[in-house]
Amino acid sequence: MALATSLRKTASKVINRFGGDVTYRQVSGGTYNPTTGAIVETETNTTIKGVVDAVRKQELNELVHEQDKKLIIAASDLTITPSLSDRVVISSIVHQIVKINVIEQDNTAIAVELFLRA
């Protein structure tokens, strides 16, 4: 457990030092508006640090495509559990989350990899 705690702190320090600002947009289930016929979603934005990287060839599959991006964030910087319905805003571009990988040590989340599509 001590190793996991140490890794969690280290991941947060490294990502906060070398990462850039991104907006994590948590999307809550919407309500139906009968007047407009649209579903209204509730969004909660949180600014966090993250490292953006290209997707490697080994990570490509039916979910992850070559033009997608990978965002790595420290698990300790998130107060919520990431969901595929959430979005990430990087440089004013809204990205959909297509895959979530949690990097763990001793059942403790260290970092989260989010695969994104614009």
Protein backbone atom coordinates (compact mmCIF):
# COMPACT_ATOMS: atom_id res chain seq x y z
CA MET A 1 0.00 0.00 0.00
CA ALA A 2 2.88 2.37 0.73
CA LEU A 3 4.20 1.87 -2.81
CA ALA A 4 0.79 2.70 -4.29
CA THR A 5 0.53 5.88 -2.19
CA SER A 6 4.01 6.94 -3.23
CA LEU A 7 3.28 6.25 -6.92
CA ARG A 8 0.02 8.17 -6.70
CA LYS A 9 1.80 11.24 -5.28
CA THR A 10 4.60 10.98 -7.85
CA ALA A 11 2.15 10.73 -10.75
CA SER A 12 0.34 13.82 -9.55
CA LYS A 13 3.58 15.81 -9.15
CA VAL A 14 4.94 14.84 -12.59
CA ILE A 15 1.68 15.47 -14.45
CA ASN A 16 1.08 18.78 -12.66
CA ARG A 17 4.62 19.92 -13.48
CA PHE A 18 4.78 18.85 -17.13
CA GLY A 19 1.11 18.69 -18.12
CA GLY A 20 -1.08 21.38 -19.56
CA ASP A 21 -4.48 22.66 -18.50
CA VAL A 22 -7.47 20.70 -19.79
CA THR A 23 -11.12 20.95 -18.89
CA TYR A 24 -12.81 17.77 -17.75
CA ARG A 25 -16.52 18.09 -18.49
CA GLN A 26 -18.71 15.77 -16.44
CA VAL A 27 -22.03 15.22 -18.21
CA SER A 28 -25.05 14.25 -16.12
CA GLY A 29 -28.13 12.58 -17.53
CA GLY A 30 -30.33 15.03 -19.29
CA THR A 31 -33.98 15.89 -19.05
CA TYR A 32 -36.39 15.92 -21.95
CA ASN A 33 -37.77 19.30 -22.99
CA PRO A 34 -41.16 18.62 -24.63
CA THR A 35 -41.32 22.14 -26.11
CA THR A 36 -38.09 21.83 -28.11
CA GLY A 37 -37.97 18.03 -28.33
CA ALA A 38 -34.35 18.09 -27.13
CA ILE A 39 -32.61 16.46 -24.21
CA VAL A 40 -30.88 19.00 -21.98
CA GLU A 41 -27.67 17.77 -20.35
CA THR A 42 -26.13 19.12 -17.16
CA GLU A 43 -22.40 19.81 -17.46
CA THR A 44 -19.87 20.39 -14.68
CA ASN A 45 -16.44 21.66 -15.75
CA THR A 46 -13.22 21.08 -13.81
CA THR A 47 -9.79 22.35 -14.89
CA ILE A 48 -7.02 19.81 -14.30
CA LYS A 49 -3.52 19.11 -15.61
CA GLY A 50 -2.96 16.39 -18.16
CA VAL A 51 -0.40 15.11 -20.63
CA VAL A 52 -1.64 14.72 -24.22
CA ASP A 53 0.01 12.08 -26.39
CA ALA A 54 -0.59 10.40 -29.72
CA VAL A 55 -2.09 6.93 -29.80
CA ARG A 56 0.48 4.19 -30.45
CA LYS A 57 -0.06 1.56 -33.13
CA GLN A 58 -0.33 -1.15 -30.45
CA GLU A 59 -3.31 0.67 -28.94
CA LEU A 60 -5.36 0.78 -32.16
CA ASN A 61 -8.49 -1.38 -32.28
CA GLU A 62 -12.17 -1.11 -33.14
CA LEU A 63 -12.64 1.56 -30.44
CA VAL A 64 -9.39 3.52 -30.77
CA HIS A 65 -8.48 5.01 -34.15
CA GLU A 66 -5.22 6.40 -35.48
CA GLN A 67 -6.32 10.07 -35.30
CA ASP A 68 -7.42 9.78 -31.65
CA LYS A 69 -5.42 11.29 -28.78
CA LYS A 70 -4.50 9.94 -25.38
CA LEU A 71 -4.75 12.08 -22.25
CA ILE A 72 -3.03 10.96 -19.06
CA ILE A 73 -4.22 12.49 -15.80
CA ALA A 74 -3.35 11.77 -12.18
CA ALA A 75 -6.09 9.76 -10.51
CA SER A 76 -5.75 11.88 -7.38
CA ASP A 77 -6.70 15.00 -9.38
CA LEU A 78 -10.15 13.59 -10.19
CA THR A 79 -12.89 13.68 -7.60
CA ILE A 80 -15.22 11.62 -9.81
CA THR A 81 -14.99 8.36 -11.71
CA PRO A 82 -14.51 9.08 -15.43
CA SER A 83 -17.34 8.01 -17.71
CA LEU A 84 -17.67 7.51 -21.47
CA SER A 85 -20.48 10.08 -21.44
CA ASP A 86 -18.09 12.77 -20.17
CA ARG A 87 -16.01 15.03 -22.42
CA VAL A 88 -12.62 16.74 -22.35
CA VAL A 89 -11.91 20.22 -23.73
CA ILE A 90 -8.35 20.83 -24.97
CA SER A 91 -7.52 24.19 -26.62
CA SER A 92 -11.23 24.95 -27.08
CA ILE A 93 -11.81 21.64 -28.92
CA VAL A 94 -14.35 19.30 -27.32
CA HIS A 95 -13.27 15.64 -27.33
CA GLN A 96 -15.43 12.60 -26.70
CA ILE A 97 -14.01 9.89 -24.43
CA VAL A 98 -13.95 6.59 -26.34
CA LYS A 99 -11.96 4.42 -23.92
CA ILE A 100 -10.80 4.63 -20.30
CA ASN A 101 -7.81 2.79 -18.82
CA VAL A 102 -7.05 3.04 -15.12
CA ILE A 103 -3.43 2.39 -14.19
CA GLU A 104 -3.39 0.72 -10.79
CA GLN A 105 -0.93 -0.55 -8.21
CA ASP A 106 -2.19 -2.72 -5.37
CA ASN A 107 -5.83 -1.89 -6.29
CA THR A 108 -5.11 1.85 -5.97
CA ALA A 109 -5.65 4.10 -8.99
CA ILE A 110 -2.40 5.88 -9.93
CA ALA A 111 -3.28 7.50 -13.26
CA VAL A 112 -6.06 7.45 -15.81
CA GLU A 113 -5.61 7.19 -19.58
CA LEU A 114 -8.45 8.69 -21.57
CA PHE A 115 -8.61 7.97 -25.29
CA LEU A 116 -10.19 10.98 -26.99
CA ARG A 117 -11.81 11.73 -30.34
CA ALA A 118 -12.53 15.24 -31.62
